[in-house]
Amino acid sequence: MPRVMICGDLVWAHKESEELFSGLADVVRMDSANRADFLAGLKPGGKYEGIVGFYRHNVSSAQIGLFDREIIDGLAAAGVKWIAHNGAGYDQIDVLYCKEKGIFVSNTPGAVDDATATTALFLLISALRCFSKAERSVRVGQWKNAHVAGEAHDLTGRTLAILGMGGIGLRLAHLVHAFPMRVIYHNRRKVPHAPEWCEYYGSDRLDEFLASAEVLSVHVPLNVQTTGLVDEKMIRKLPKGAVIVNTARGKVIDEAAMIRALEDGHLGAIGLDVFPDEPQVNPRLFEFPNAALLPHMGTETCDSQKKMEIRALTNLRDFLTKGKGDDLIPEFR
């Protein structure tokens, strides 16, 4: 019977894991305290010999580090063919090297859409209405002394520009349509199932897209092409007073350029759930009263995390039974 590994503990889906793999595979828990022990376990005669597929959670990096070339070389030599990553973002895995080594990678799109989109909605509302600053004021007994009505704005009728119309971006579009906000989006290609009230701006209209963005919400994965995508040039094409919301990955935005735009007033506010060097946060961000900040809370609900675990495990099960899971990442399509 083949063996599969849980690399990063399950929290919510223990019963589902038993049901998915009963009679199909032996499930092994990664119990290495460090990288050296993990790599040794993959070798012939090691405790992980015979592993063909992985369920992977980011928490495993605390013991064995990122899935870089060294780890992937070890997996490939051991005969591993599938990594079922738990999460929408998979920047902790060198996926291009996985592809080179013949190891497929899946993620968990859809499972995170609602929780991450509602996080973006919270940050959008907080940034436009100055709620984060107001909460800080009331907690120190200052009521709303620091509030300036002229700095706060309603959502109704404002333009939300979504950068990356995947599942999360599309879910956010539906949420803000209730106000209603005008929704425009930029994507690699037009999304055929997007509602007709979502206006598509292709690459030939990117400047127009940015110039129309009263709120820019970022929803692109982190990879070589998107690192620093929202740079000085892009930020300066936003209208003065615009808001940036980021629930994707911190490194998608040039943080220094964003801070400069806050300093000189070009940006009216920001709402961030992600940062370039988590869990470290640039202390300069704490100095801006118009910065709404969260500690990467996008998928921190029991509902979403259970859905993510089940979806990743299902991809691994489908690899064993059908040769392929449903959620191959774009780099493999």
C-alpha atoms as a PDB file:
ATOM      1  CA  MET A   1       0.000   0.000   0.000  1.00  0.00           C
ATOM      2  CA  PRO A   2       1.399   3.461  -0.877  1.00  0.00           C
ATOM      3  CA  ARG A   3       2.262   5.916   1.864  1.00  0.00           C
ATOM      4  CA  VAL A   4       1.272   9.577   2.079  1.00  0.00           C
ATOM      5  CA  MET A   5       2.505  12.136   4.566  1.00  0.00           C
ATOM      6  CA  ILE A   6       0.799  14.794   6.657  1.00  0.00           C
ATOM      7  CA  CYS A   7       3.466  17.504   6.707  1.00  0.00           C
ATOM      8  CA  GLY A   8       2.079  20.002   9.199  1.00  0.00           C
ATOM      9  CA  ASP A   9      -0.593  18.735  11.578  1.00  0.00           C
ATOM     10  CA  LEU A  10      -4.268  18.484  10.734  1.00  0.00           C
ATOM     11  CA  VAL A  11      -6.529  20.380  13.138  1.00  0.00           C
ATOM     12  CA  TRP A  12     -10.077  20.050  11.855  1.00  0.00           C
ATOM     13  CA  ALA A  13     -10.285  17.137   9.414  1.00  0.00           C
ATOM     14  CA  HIS A  14      -8.996  14.064  11.265  1.00  0.00           C
ATOM     15  CA  LYS A  15     -12.191  12.084  10.614  1.00  0.00           C
ATOM     16  CA  GLU A  16     -12.272  13.093   6.956  1.00  0.00           C
ATOM     17  CA  SER A  17      -8.638  12.080   6.549  1.00  0.00           C
ATOM     18  CA  GLU A  18      -9.401   8.601   7.856  1.00  0.00           C
ATOM     19  CA  GLU A  19     -12.358   8.283   5.501  1.00  0.00           C
ATOM     20  CA  LEU A  20     -10.460   9.532   2.444  1.00  0.00           C
ATOM     21  CA  PHE A  21      -7.483   7.201   2.820  1.00  0.00           C
ATOM     22  CA  SER A  22      -8.996   4.129   4.476  1.00  0.00           C
ATOM     23  CA  GLY A  23      -7.873   1.081   2.515  1.00  0.00           C
ATOM     24  CA  LEU A  24      -6.121   3.323   0.003  1.00  0.00           C
ATOM     25  CA  ALA A  25      -2.899   4.486   1.626  1.00  0.00           C
ATOM     26  CA  ASP A  26      -0.988   4.451   4.882  1.00  0.00           C
ATOM     27  CA  VAL A  27      -0.959   7.943   6.372  1.00  0.00           C
ATOM     28  CA  VAL A  28       2.342   8.951   7.981  1.00  0.00           C
ATOM     29  CA  ARG A  29       2.824  12.020  10.158  1.00  0.00           C
ATOM     30  CA  MET A  30       5.963  14.113   9.618  1.00  0.00           C
ATOM     31  CA  ASP A  31       7.641  14.066  13.025  1.00  0.00           C
ATOM     32  CA  SER A  32      11.082  15.455  12.171  1.00  0.00           C
ATOM     33  CA  ALA A  33      12.330  18.219  14.423  1.00  0.00           C
ATOM     34  CA  ASN A  34      14.695  19.580  11.781  1.00  0.00           C
ATOM     35  CA  ARG A  35      15.544  19.483   8.092  1.00  0.00           C
ATOM     36  CA  ALA A  36      18.428  17.038   8.417  1.00  0.00           C
ATOM     37  CA  ASP A  37      16.223  14.416  10.076  1.00  0.00           C
ATOM     38  CA  PHE A  38      13.516  14.950   7.472  1.00  0.00           C
ATOM     39  CA  LEU A  39      15.887  14.491   4.539  1.00  0.00           C
ATOM     40  CA  ALA A  40      17.444  11.440   6.153  1.00  0.00           C
ATOM     41  CA  GLY A  41      13.985   9.920   6.575  1.00  0.00           C
ATOM     42  CA  LEU A  42      13.338  10.165   2.833  1.00  0.00           C
ATOM     43  CA  LYS A  43      16.356   8.064   1.918  1.00  0.00           C
ATOM     44  CA  PRO A  44      16.177   4.289   1.290  1.00  0.00           C
ATOM     45  CA  GLY A  45      15.633   2.565   4.600  1.00  0.00           C
ATOM     46  CA  GLY A  46      14.533   5.822   6.242  1.00  0.00           C
ATOM     47  CA  LYS A  47      11.341   6.246   8.231  1.00  0.00           C
ATOM     48  CA  TYR A  48       9.619   8.015   5.332  1.00  0.00           C
ATOM     49  CA  GLU A  49      10.585   5.525   2.640  1.00  0.00           C
ATOM     50  CA  GLY A  50       7.775   4.841   0.176  1.00  0.00           C
ATOM     51  CA  ILE A  51       6.038   8.214   0.518  1.00  0.00           C
ATOM     52  CA  VAL A  52       4.462   9.117  -2.840  1.00  0.00           C
ATOM     53  CA  GLY A  53       2.396  12.161  -1.899  1.00  0.00           C
ATOM     54  CA  PHE A  54       2.326  14.990   0.616  1.00  0.00           C
ATOM     55  CA  TYR A  55      -0.292  17.049   2.372  1.00  0.00           C
ATOM     56  CA  ARG A  56       1.613  20.233   3.194  1.00  0.00           C
ATOM     57  CA  HIS A  57       0.786  23.118   5.509  1.00  0.00           C
ATOM     58  CA  ASN A  58       2.950  26.208   5.978  1.00  0.00           C
ATOM     59  CA  VAL A  59       3.403  25.449   9.671  1.00  0.00           C
ATOM     60  CA  SER A  60       5.796  22.652   8.702  1.00  0.00           C
ATOM     61  CA  SER A  61       8.366  25.299   7.782  1.00  0.00           C
ATOM     62  CA  ALA A  62       9.053  25.822  11.476  1.00  0.00           C
ATOM     63  CA  GLN A  63      10.654  22.368  11.569  1.00  0.00           C
ATOM     64  CA  ILE A  64      12.020  21.739   8.076  1.00  0.00           C
ATOM     65  CA  GLY A  65      11.947  25.121   6.337  1.00  0.00           C
ATOM     66  CA  LEU A  66      10.592  26.037   2.932  1.00  0.00           C
ATOM     67  CA  PHE A  67      10.157  23.528   0.133  1.00  0.00           C
ATOM     68  CA  ASP A  68      13.236  24.797  -1.686  1.00  0.00           C
ATOM     69  CA  ARG A  69      15.526  23.001  -4.134  1.00  0.00           C
ATOM     70  CA  GLU A  70      17.189  20.934  -1.408  1.00  0.00           C
ATOM     71  CA  ILE A  71      13.887  19.637  -0.063  1.00  0.00           C
ATOM     72  CA  ILE A  72      12.513  19.042  -3.558  1.00  0.00           C
ATOM     73  CA  ASP A  73      15.621  17.104  -4.573  1.00  0.00           C
ATOM     74  CA  GLY A  74      15.028  14.875  -1.546  1.00  0.00           C
ATOM     75  CA  LEU A  75      11.366  14.393  -2.412  1.00  0.00           C
ATOM     76  CA  ALA A  76      12.105  13.591  -6.046  1.00  0.00           C
ATOM     77  CA  ALA A  77      14.799  11.066  -5.137  1.00  0.00           C
ATOM     78  CA  ALA A  78      12.330   9.379  -2.770  1.00  0.00           C
ATOM     79  CA  GLY A  79       9.700   9.045  -5.519  1.00  0.00           C
ATOM     80  CA  VAL A  80       7.257  11.719  -4.366  1.00  0.00           C
ATOM     81  CA  LYS A  81       4.922  12.774  -7.190  1.00  0.00           C
ATOM     82  CA  TRP A  82       2.339  15.074  -5.584  1.00  0.00           C
ATOM     83  CA  ILE A  83       2.325  17.927  -3.070  1.00  0.00           C
ATOM     84  CA  ALA A  84      -1.181  18.854  -1.960  1.00  0.00           C
ATOM     85  CA  HIS A  85      -0.590  22.268  -0.429  1.00  0.00           C
ATOM     86  CA  ASN A  86      -3.082  23.634   2.078  1.00  0.00           C
ATOM     87  CA  GLY A  87      -3.590  27.265   1.070  1.00  0.00           C
ATOM     88  CA  ALA A  88      -4.369  29.459  -1.883  1.00  0.00           C
ATOM     89  CA  GLY A  89      -0.870  30.980  -1.860  1.00  0.00           C
ATOM     90  CA  TYR A  90       2.013  28.575  -2.407  1.00  0.00           C
ATOM     91  CA  ASP A  91       5.042  30.867  -2.375  1.00  0.00           C
ATOM     92  CA  GLN A  92       6.751  28.654   0.217  1.00  0.00           C
ATOM     93  CA  ILE A  93       7.223  26.013  -2.502  1.00  0.00           C
ATOM     94  CA  ASP A  94       9.636  26.331  -5.434  1.00  0.00           C
ATOM     95  CA  VAL A  95       6.961  25.199  -7.853  1.00  0.00           C
ATOM     96  CA  LEU A  96       9.026  25.684 -11.005  1.00  0.00           C
ATOM     97  CA  TYR A  97      11.680  23.345  -9.644  1.00  0.00           C
ATOM     98  CA  CYS A  98       8.924  20.897  -8.668  1.00  0.00           C
ATOM     99  CA  LYS A  99       7.766  20.950 -12.274  1.00  0.00           C
ATOM    100  CA  GLU A 100      11.314  20.327 -13.458  1.00  0.00           C
ATOM    101  CA  LYS A 101      11.548  17.340 -11.108  1.00  0.00           C
ATOM    102  CA  GLY A 102       8.176  15.887 -12.079  1.00  0.00           C
ATOM    103  CA  ILE A 103       6.386  16.667  -8.813  1.00  0.00           C
ATOM    104  CA  PHE A 104       2.891  18.112  -9.216  1.00  0.00           C
ATOM    105  CA  VAL A 105       1.537  20.772  -6.846  1.00  0.00           C
ATOM    106  CA  SER A 106      -2.073  21.580  -5.987  1.00  0.00           C
ATOM    107  CA  ASN A 107      -3.530  24.271  -3.739  1.00  0.00           C
ATOM    108  CA  THR A 108      -6.947  25.027  -2.233  1.00  0.00           C
ATOM    109  CA  PRO A 109      -8.733  27.660  -4.328  1.00  0.00           C
ATOM    110  CA  GLY A 110     -12.328  28.303  -3.418  1.00  0.00           C
ATOM    111  CA  ALA A 111     -11.947  27.148   0.166  1.00  0.00           C
ATOM    112  CA  VAL A 112     -10.465  30.514   1.152  1.00  0.00           C
ATOM    113  CA  ASP A 113     -12.605  32.795  -0.986  1.00  0.00           C
ATOM    114  CA  ASP A 114     -15.231  33.866   1.522  1.00  0.00           C
ATOM    115  CA  ALA A 115     -12.974  34.366   4.539  1.00  0.00           C
ATOM    116  CA  THR A 116     -10.326  36.295   2.615  1.00  0.00           C
ATOM    117  CA  ALA A 117     -12.863  38.406   0.727  1.00  0.00           C
ATOM    118  CA  THR A 118     -14.619  39.396   3.957  1.00  0.00           C
ATOM    119  CA  THR A 119     -11.229  40.336   5.407  1.00  0.00           C
ATOM    120  CA  ALA A 120     -10.654  42.588   2.399  1.00  0.00           C
ATOM    121  CA  LEU A 121     -14.133  44.054   2.843  1.00  0.00           C
ATOM    122  CA  PHE A 122     -13.423  44.811   6.507  1.00  0.00           C
ATOM    123  CA  LEU A 123     -10.159  46.559   5.621  1.00  0.00           C
ATOM    124  CA  LEU A 124     -11.839  48.484   2.798  1.00  0.00           C
ATOM    125  CA  ILE A 125     -14.600  49.731   5.093  1.00  0.00           C
ATOM    126  CA  SER A 126     -12.179  50.500   7.911  1.00  0.00           C
ATOM    127  CA  ALA A 127      -9.845  52.443   5.628  1.00  0.00           C
ATOM    128  CA  LEU A 128     -12.591  54.483   3.954  1.00  0.00           C
ATOM    129  CA  ARG A 129     -14.516  55.209   7.149  1.00  0.00           C
ATOM    130  CA  CYS A 130     -11.423  55.693   9.381  1.00  0.00           C
ATOM    131  CA  PHE A 131     -12.752  53.036  11.742  1.00  0.00           C
ATOM    132  CA  SER A 132      -9.336  51.680  12.711  1.00  0.00           C
ATOM    133  CA  LYS A 133      -8.194  55.102  13.904  1.00  0.00           C
ATOM    134  CA  ALA A 134     -11.501  55.627  15.718  1.00  0.00           C
ATOM    135  CA  GLU A 135     -11.211  52.315  17.576  1.00  0.00           C
ATOM    136  CA  ARG A 136      -7.695  53.180  18.727  1.00  0.00           C
ATOM    137  CA  SER A 137      -9.011  56.524  19.998  1.00  0.00           C
ATOM    138  CA  VAL A 138     -11.877  55.097  22.013  1.00  0.00           C
ATOM    139  CA  ARG A 139      -9.628  52.467  23.598  1.00  0.00           C
ATOM    140  CA  VAL A 140      -7.442  55.203  25.125  1.00  0.00           C
ATOM    141  CA  GLY A 141     -10.395  57.282  26.334  1.00  0.00           C
ATOM    142  CA  GLN A 142     -10.276  59.937  23.606  1.00  0.00           C
ATOM    143  CA  TRP A 143     -13.729  59.188  22.177  1.00  0.00           C
ATOM    144  CA  LYS A 144     -13.585  60.569  18.613  1.00  0.00           C
ATOM    145  CA  ASN A 145     -11.382  63.561  19.284  1.00  0.00           C
ATOM    146  CA  ALA A 146      -9.032  62.618  16.446  1.00  0.00           C
ATOM    147  CA  HIS A 147     -11.772  61.977  13.901  1.00  0.00           C
ATOM    148  CA  VAL A 148     -12.059  64.330  10.942  1.00  0.00           C
ATOM    149  CA  ALA A 149     -15.243  63.789   8.946  1.00  0.00           C
ATOM    150  CA  GLY A 150     -13.582  65.185   5.857  1.00  0.00           C
ATOM    151  CA  GLU A 151     -11.186  62.238   5.840  1.00  0.00           C
ATOM    152  CA  ALA A 152     -13.934  59.589   5.971  1.00  0.00           C
ATOM    153  CA  HIS A 153     -15.946  58.393   2.995  1.00  0.00           C
ATOM    154  CA  ASP A 154     -19.014  56.280   2.271  1.00  0.00           C
ATOM    155  CA  LEU A 155     -18.608  53.214   0.059  1.00  0.00           C
ATOM    156  CA  THR A 156     -21.740  53.763  -2.012  1.00  0.00           C
ATOM    157  CA  GLY A 157     -20.973  54.868  -5.534  1.00  0.00           C
ATOM    158  CA  ARG A 158     -17.179  54.644  -5.181  1.00  0.00           C
ATOM    159  CA  THR A 159     -15.035  52.638  -7.569  1.00  0.00           C
ATOM    160  CA  LEU A 160     -13.333  49.465  -6.409  1.00  0.00           C
ATOM    161  CA  ALA A 161     -10.542  48.295  -8.698  1.00  0.00           C
ATOM    162  CA  ILE A 162      -9.734  44.603  -8.238  1.00  0.00           C
ATOM    163  CA  LEU A 163      -6.243  43.562  -9.296  1.00  0.00           C
ATOM    164  CA  GLY A 164      -6.546  39.843  -9.962  1.00  0.00           C
ATOM    165  CA  MET A 165     -10.062  38.483 -10.463  1.00  0.00           C
ATOM    166  CA  GLY A 166      -9.702  34.976  -9.092  1.00  0.00           C
ATOM    167  CA  GLY A 167     -12.133  33.430  -6.641  1.00  0.00           C
ATOM    168  CA  ILE A 168     -11.324  35.867  -3.832  1.00  0.00           C
ATOM    169  CA  GLY A 169     -11.533  38.939  -6.041  1.00  0.00           C
ATOM    170  CA  LEU A 170     -14.823  37.753  -7.519  1.00  0.00           C
ATOM    171  CA  ARG A 171     -16.280  37.106  -4.071  1.00  0.00           C
ATOM    172  CA  LEU A 172     -15.260  40.609  -2.960  1.00  0.00           C
ATOM    173  CA  ALA A 173     -16.919  42.028  -6.065  1.00  0.00           C
ATOM    174  CA  HIS A 174     -20.216  40.405  -5.063  1.00  0.00           C
ATOM    175  CA  LEU A 175     -19.896  41.685  -1.489  1.00  0.00           C
ATOM    176  CA  VAL A 176     -19.301  45.339  -2.413  1.00  0.00           C
ATOM    177  CA  HIS A 177     -22.004  45.279  -5.093  1.00  0.00           C
ATOM    178  CA  ALA A 178     -24.511  45.360  -2.231  1.00  0.00           C
ATOM    179  CA  PHE A 179     -23.604  48.963  -1.325  1.00  0.00           C
ATOM    180  CA  PRO A 180     -23.391  49.373  -4.367  1.00  0.00           C
ATOM    181  CA  MET A 181     -19.861  50.159  -5.434  1.00  0.00           C
ATOM    182  CA  ARG A 182     -18.751  50.327  -9.036  1.00  0.00           C
ATOM    183  CA  VAL A 183     -16.452  47.355  -9.710  1.00  0.00           C
ATOM    184  CA  ILE A 184     -13.689  47.281 -12.288  1.00  0.00           C
ATOM    185  CA  TYR A 185     -10.988  44.652 -12.610  1.00  0.00           C
ATOM    186  CA  HIS A 186      -7.677  43.888 -14.293  1.00  0.00           C
ATOM    187  CA  ASN A 187      -6.688  40.311 -14.944  1.00  0.00           C
ATOM    188  CA  ARG A 188      -4.479  38.372 -17.335  1.00  0.00           C
ATOM    189  CA  ARG A 189      -7.633  37.737 -19.323  1.00  0.00           C
ATOM    190  CA  LYS A 190     -11.314  38.534 -19.106  1.00  0.00           C
ATOM    191  CA  VAL A 191     -13.175  36.290 -16.659  1.00  0.00           C
ATOM    192  CA  PRO A 192     -16.081  34.706 -18.589  1.00  0.00           C
ATOM    193  CA  HIS A 193     -18.234  34.053 -15.498  1.00  0.00           C
ATOM    194  CA  ALA A 194     -17.810  37.535 -14.001  1.00  0.00           C
ATOM    195  CA  PRO A 195     -21.091  39.466 -13.678  1.00  0.00           C
ATOM    196  CA  GLU A 196     -21.821  42.008 -16.381  1.00  0.00           C
ATOM    197  CA  TRP A 197     -21.509  44.840 -13.851  1.00  0.00           C
ATOM    198  CA  CYS A 198     -17.816  43.994 -13.367  1.00  0.00           C
ATOM    199  CA  GLU A 199     -15.970  46.044 -15.993  1.00  0.00           C
ATOM    200  CA  TYR A 200     -12.858  44.427 -17.462  1.00  0.00           C
ATOM    201  CA  TYR A 201      -9.732  46.468 -18.168  1.00  0.00           C
ATOM    202  CA  GLY A 202      -7.078  44.648 -20.185  1.00  0.00           C
ATOM    203  CA  SER A 203      -3.359  45.427 -20.307  1.00  0.00           C
ATOM    204  CA  ASP A 204      -3.964  48.075 -22.960  1.00  0.00           C
ATOM    205  CA  ARG A 205      -6.164  49.970 -20.470  1.00  0.00           C
ATOM    206  CA  LEU A 206      -4.109  49.491 -17.291  1.00  0.00           C
ATOM    207  CA  ASP A 207      -3.425  53.222 -16.870  1.00  0.00           C
ATOM    208  CA  GLU A 208      -7.130  53.975 -17.204  1.00  0.00           C
ATOM    209  CA  PHE A 209      -7.888  51.220 -14.678  1.00  0.00           C
ATOM    210  CA  LEU A 210      -5.519  52.723 -12.123  1.00  0.00           C
ATOM    211  CA  ALA A 211      -6.713  56.281 -12.713  1.00  0.00           C
ATOM    212  CA  SER A 212     -10.281  55.160 -11.951  1.00  0.00           C
ATOM    213  CA  ALA A 213      -9.400  53.289  -8.741  1.00  0.00           C
ATOM    214  CA  GLU A 214     -10.685  54.987  -5.602  1.00  0.00           C
ATOM    215  CA  VAL A 215      -9.857  51.703  -3.860  1.00  0.00           C
ATOM    216  CA  LEU A 216      -7.314  49.239  -5.270  1.00  0.00           C
ATOM    217  CA  SER A 217      -7.701  45.752  -3.801  1.00  0.00           C
ATOM    218  CA  VAL A 218      -4.848  43.340  -4.538  1.00  0.00           C
ATOM    219  CA  HIS A 219      -5.599  39.656  -5.194  1.00  0.00           C
ATOM    220  CA  VAL A 220      -2.696  38.208  -7.189  1.00  0.00           C
ATOM    221  CA  PRO A 221      -0.483  35.276  -6.140  1.00  0.00           C
ATOM    222  CA  LEU A 222       3.132  35.929  -5.241  1.00  0.00           C
ATOM    223  CA  ASN A 223       5.615  34.715  -7.817  1.00  0.00           C
ATOM    224  CA  VAL A 224       8.574  36.031  -9.791  1.00  0.00           C
ATOM    225  CA  GLN A 225       6.315  38.077 -12.056  1.00  0.00           C
ATOM    226  CA  THR A 226       4.244  39.657  -9.284  1.00  0.00           C
ATOM    227  CA  THR A 227       6.935  40.505  -6.731  1.00  0.00           C
ATOM    228  CA  GLY A 228       6.828  44.301  -6.433  1.00  0.00           C
ATOM    229  CA  LEU A 229       4.049  44.478  -9.034  1.00  0.00           C
ATOM    230  CA  VAL A 230       2.333  47.369  -7.243  1.00  0.00           C
ATOM    231  CA  ASP A 231       5.331  49.651  -7.504  1.00  0.00           C
ATOM    232  CA  GLU A 232       5.991  53.397  -7.341  1.00  0.00           C
ATOM    233  CA  LYS A 233       4.834  53.887 -10.914  1.00  0.00           C
ATOM    234  CA  MET A 234       1.561  52.039 -10.389  1.00  0.00           C
ATOM    235  CA  ILE A 235       0.831  53.722  -7.053  1.00  0.00           C
ATOM    236  CA  ARG A 236       1.392  57.195  -8.520  1.00  0.00           C
ATOM    237  CA  LYS A 237      -1.129  56.466 -11.274  1.00  0.00           C
ATOM    238  CA  LEU A 238      -3.850  56.047  -8.665  1.00  0.00           C
ATOM    239  CA  PRO A 239      -5.854  59.214  -7.992  1.00  0.00           C
ATOM    240  CA  LYS A 240      -4.781  61.324  -5.027  1.00  0.00           C
ATOM    241  CA  GLY A 241      -6.502  60.062  -1.901  1.00  0.00           C
ATOM    242  CA  ALA A 242      -6.913  56.497  -3.164  1.00  0.00           C
ATOM    243  CA  VAL A 243      -6.920  53.524  -0.797  1.00  0.00           C
ATOM    244  CA  ILE A 244      -4.882  50.329  -1.203  1.00  0.00           C
ATOM    245  CA  VAL A 245      -6.111  47.067   0.343  1.00  0.00           C
ATOM    246  CA  ASN A 246      -3.884  43.987   0.318  1.00  0.00           C
ATOM    247  CA  THR A 247      -4.951  40.509   1.431  1.00  0.00           C
ATOM    248  CA  ALA A 248      -2.710  38.668  -1.064  1.00  0.00           C
ATOM    249  CA  ARG A 249       0.996  38.677  -0.131  1.00  0.00           C
ATOM    250  CA  GLY A 250       3.049  41.529   1.278  1.00  0.00           C
ATOM    251  CA  LYS A 251       5.790  41.341  -1.324  1.00  0.00           C
ATOM    252  CA  VAL A 252       3.356  42.017  -4.174  1.00  0.00           C
ATOM    253  CA  ILE A 253       3.526  45.693  -3.120  1.00  0.00           C
ATOM    254  CA  ASP A 254       6.677  47.805  -3.021  1.00  0.00           C
ATOM    255  CA  GLU A 255       6.350  48.678   0.653  1.00  0.00           C
ATOM    256  CA  ALA A 256       8.806  51.606   0.525  1.00  0.00           C
ATOM    257  CA  ALA A 257       6.897  53.173  -2.366  1.00  0.00           C
ATOM    258  CA  MET A 258       3.614  52.721  -0.503  1.00  0.00           C
ATOM    259  CA  ILE A 259       5.017  54.381   2.615  1.00  0.00           C
ATOM    260  CA  ARG A 260       6.299  57.340   0.573  1.00  0.00           C
ATOM    261  CA  ALA A 261       2.821  57.771  -0.903  1.00  0.00           C
ATOM    262  CA  LEU A 262       1.322  57.768   2.590  1.00  0.00           C
ATOM    263  CA  GLU A 263       3.905  60.294   3.788  1.00  0.00           C
ATOM    264  CA  ASP A 264       3.190  62.823   1.055  1.00  0.00           C
ATOM    265  CA  GLY A 265      -0.582  62.284   1.100  1.00  0.00           C
ATOM    266  CA  HIS A 266      -0.928  60.677  -2.315  1.00  0.00           C
ATOM    267  CA  LEU A 267      -2.582  57.673  -0.664  1.00  0.00           C
ATOM    268  CA  GLY A 268      -5.555  58.443   1.548  1.00  0.00           C
ATOM    269  CA  ALA A 269      -5.330  55.195   3.535  1.00  0.00           C
ATOM    270  CA  ILE A 270      -4.243  51.577   3.409  1.00  0.00           C
ATOM    271  CA  GLY A 271      -5.691  48.309   4.700  1.00  0.00           C
ATOM    272  CA  LEU A 272      -3.184  45.475   5.052  1.00  0.00           C
ATOM    273  CA  ASP A 273      -3.546  41.884   6.177  1.00  0.00           C
ATOM    274  CA  VAL A 274      -0.171  40.802   4.787  1.00  0.00           C
ATOM    275  CA  PHE A 275       3.404  42.051   5.072  1.00  0.00           C
ATOM    276  CA  PRO A 276       6.711  41.347   3.287  1.00  0.00           C
ATOM    277  CA  ASP A 277       8.551  39.838   6.276  1.00  0.00           C
ATOM    278  CA  GLU A 278       5.874  38.225   8.424  1.00  0.00           C
ATOM    279  CA  PRO A 279       5.553  38.082  11.352  1.00  0.00           C
ATOM    280  CA  GLN A 280       7.674  41.242  11.406  1.00  0.00           C
ATOM    281  CA  VAL A 281       5.833  44.447  10.529  1.00  0.00           C
ATOM    282  CA  ASN A 282       7.627  47.577   9.410  1.00  0.00           C
ATOM    283  CA  PRO A 283       7.301  49.913  12.454  1.00  0.00           C
ATOM    284  CA  ARG A 284       6.816  52.875  10.113  1.00  0.00           C
ATOM    285  CA  LEU A 285       3.335  51.548   9.353  1.00  0.00           C
ATOM    286  CA  PHE A 286       2.319  51.996  12.986  1.00  0.00           C
ATOM    287  CA  GLU A 287       2.946  55.729  12.665  1.00  0.00           C
ATOM    288  CA  PHE A 288       0.124  56.259  10.155  1.00  0.00           C
ATOM    289  CA  PRO A 289      -3.312  56.769  11.734  1.00  0.00           C
ATOM    290  CA  ASN A 290      -4.836  56.006   8.320  1.00  0.00           C
ATOM    291  CA  ALA A 291      -3.375  52.472   8.214  1.00  0.00           C
ATOM    292  CA  ALA A 292      -5.752  49.627   9.096  1.00  0.00           C
ATOM    293  CA  LEU A 293      -3.596  46.604   9.926  1.00  0.00           C
ATOM    294  CA  LEU A 294      -4.352  42.938  10.635  1.00  0.00           C
ATOM    295  CA  PRO A 295      -1.905  40.068  11.403  1.00  0.00           C
ATOM    296  CA  HIS A 296      -2.672  37.878   8.347  1.00  0.00           C
ATOM    297  CA  MET A 297      -6.195  36.945   9.434  1.00  0.00           C
ATOM    298  CA  GLY A 298      -7.545  36.167   5.963  1.00  0.00           C
ATOM    299  CA  THR A 299      -8.260  32.482   6.500  1.00  0.00           C
ATOM    300  CA  GLU A 300      -8.269  32.393  10.300  1.00  0.00           C
ATOM    301  CA  THR A 301     -11.700  30.851  10.804  1.00  0.00           C
ATOM    302  CA  CYS A 302     -12.530  27.284  11.775  1.00  0.00           C
ATOM    303  CA  ASP A 303     -14.912  27.045   8.821  1.00  0.00           C
ATOM    304  CA  SER A 304     -12.369  28.031   6.187  1.00  0.00           C
ATOM    305  CA  GLN A 305      -9.517  26.061   7.712  1.00  0.00           C
ATOM    306  CA  LYS A 306     -11.560  22.873   7.781  1.00  0.00           C
ATOM    307  CA  LYS A 307     -12.561  23.415   4.151  1.00  0.00           C
ATOM    308  CA  MET A 308      -8.913  23.988   3.236  1.00  0.00           C
ATOM    309  CA  GLU A 309      -7.762  20.809   4.993  1.00  0.00           C
ATOM    310  CA  ILE A 310     -10.447  18.709   3.315  1.00  0.00           C
ATOM    311  CA  ARG A 311      -9.771  20.190  -0.106  1.00  0.00           C
ATOM    312  CA  ALA A 312      -6.013  19.584   0.131  1.00  0.00           C
ATOM    313  CA  LEU A 313      -6.568  16.024   1.368  1.00  0.00           C
ATOM    314  CA  THR A 314      -9.051  15.416  -1.447  1.00  0.00           C
ATOM    315  CA  ASN A 315      -6.476  16.519  -4.012  1.00  0.00           C
ATOM    316  CA  LEU A 316      -4.054  14.015  -2.520  1.00  0.00           C
ATOM    317  CA  ARG A 317      -6.699  11.262  -2.531  1.00  0.00           C
ATOM    318  CA  ASP A 318      -7.570  12.036  -6.167  1.00  0.00           C
ATOM    319  CA  PHE A 319      -3.906  11.774  -7.119  1.00  0.00           C
ATOM    320  CA  LEU A 320      -3.896   8.248  -5.721  1.00  0.00           C
ATOM    321  CA  THR A 321      -7.170   7.198  -7.319  1.00  0.00           C
ATOM    322  CA  LYS A 322      -7.240   9.179 -10.566  1.00  0.00           C
ATOM    323  CA  GLY A 323      -3.625  10.217 -11.082  1.00  0.00           C
ATOM    324  CA  LYS A 324      -4.439  13.914 -10.688  1.00  0.00           C
ATOM    325  CA  GLY A 325      -6.146  16.238  -8.241  1.00  0.00           C
ATOM    326  CA  ASP A 326      -8.567  18.915  -9.439  1.00  0.00           C
ATOM    327  CA  ASP A 327      -6.638  21.907  -8.154  1.00  0.00           C
ATOM    328  CA  LEU A 328      -3.355  21.911 -10.042  1.00  0.00           C
ATOM    329  CA  ILE A 329      -1.729  25.313  -9.699  1.00  0.00           C
ATOM    330  CA  PRO A 330      -1.554  27.465 -12.866  1.00  0.00           C
ATOM    331  CA  GLU A 331       2.152  26.744 -13.422  1.00  0.00           C
ATOM    332  CA  PHE A 332       1.239  23.137 -14.280  1.00  0.00           C
ATOM    333  CA  ARG A 333      -1.689  23.821 -16.595  1.00  0.00           C
END
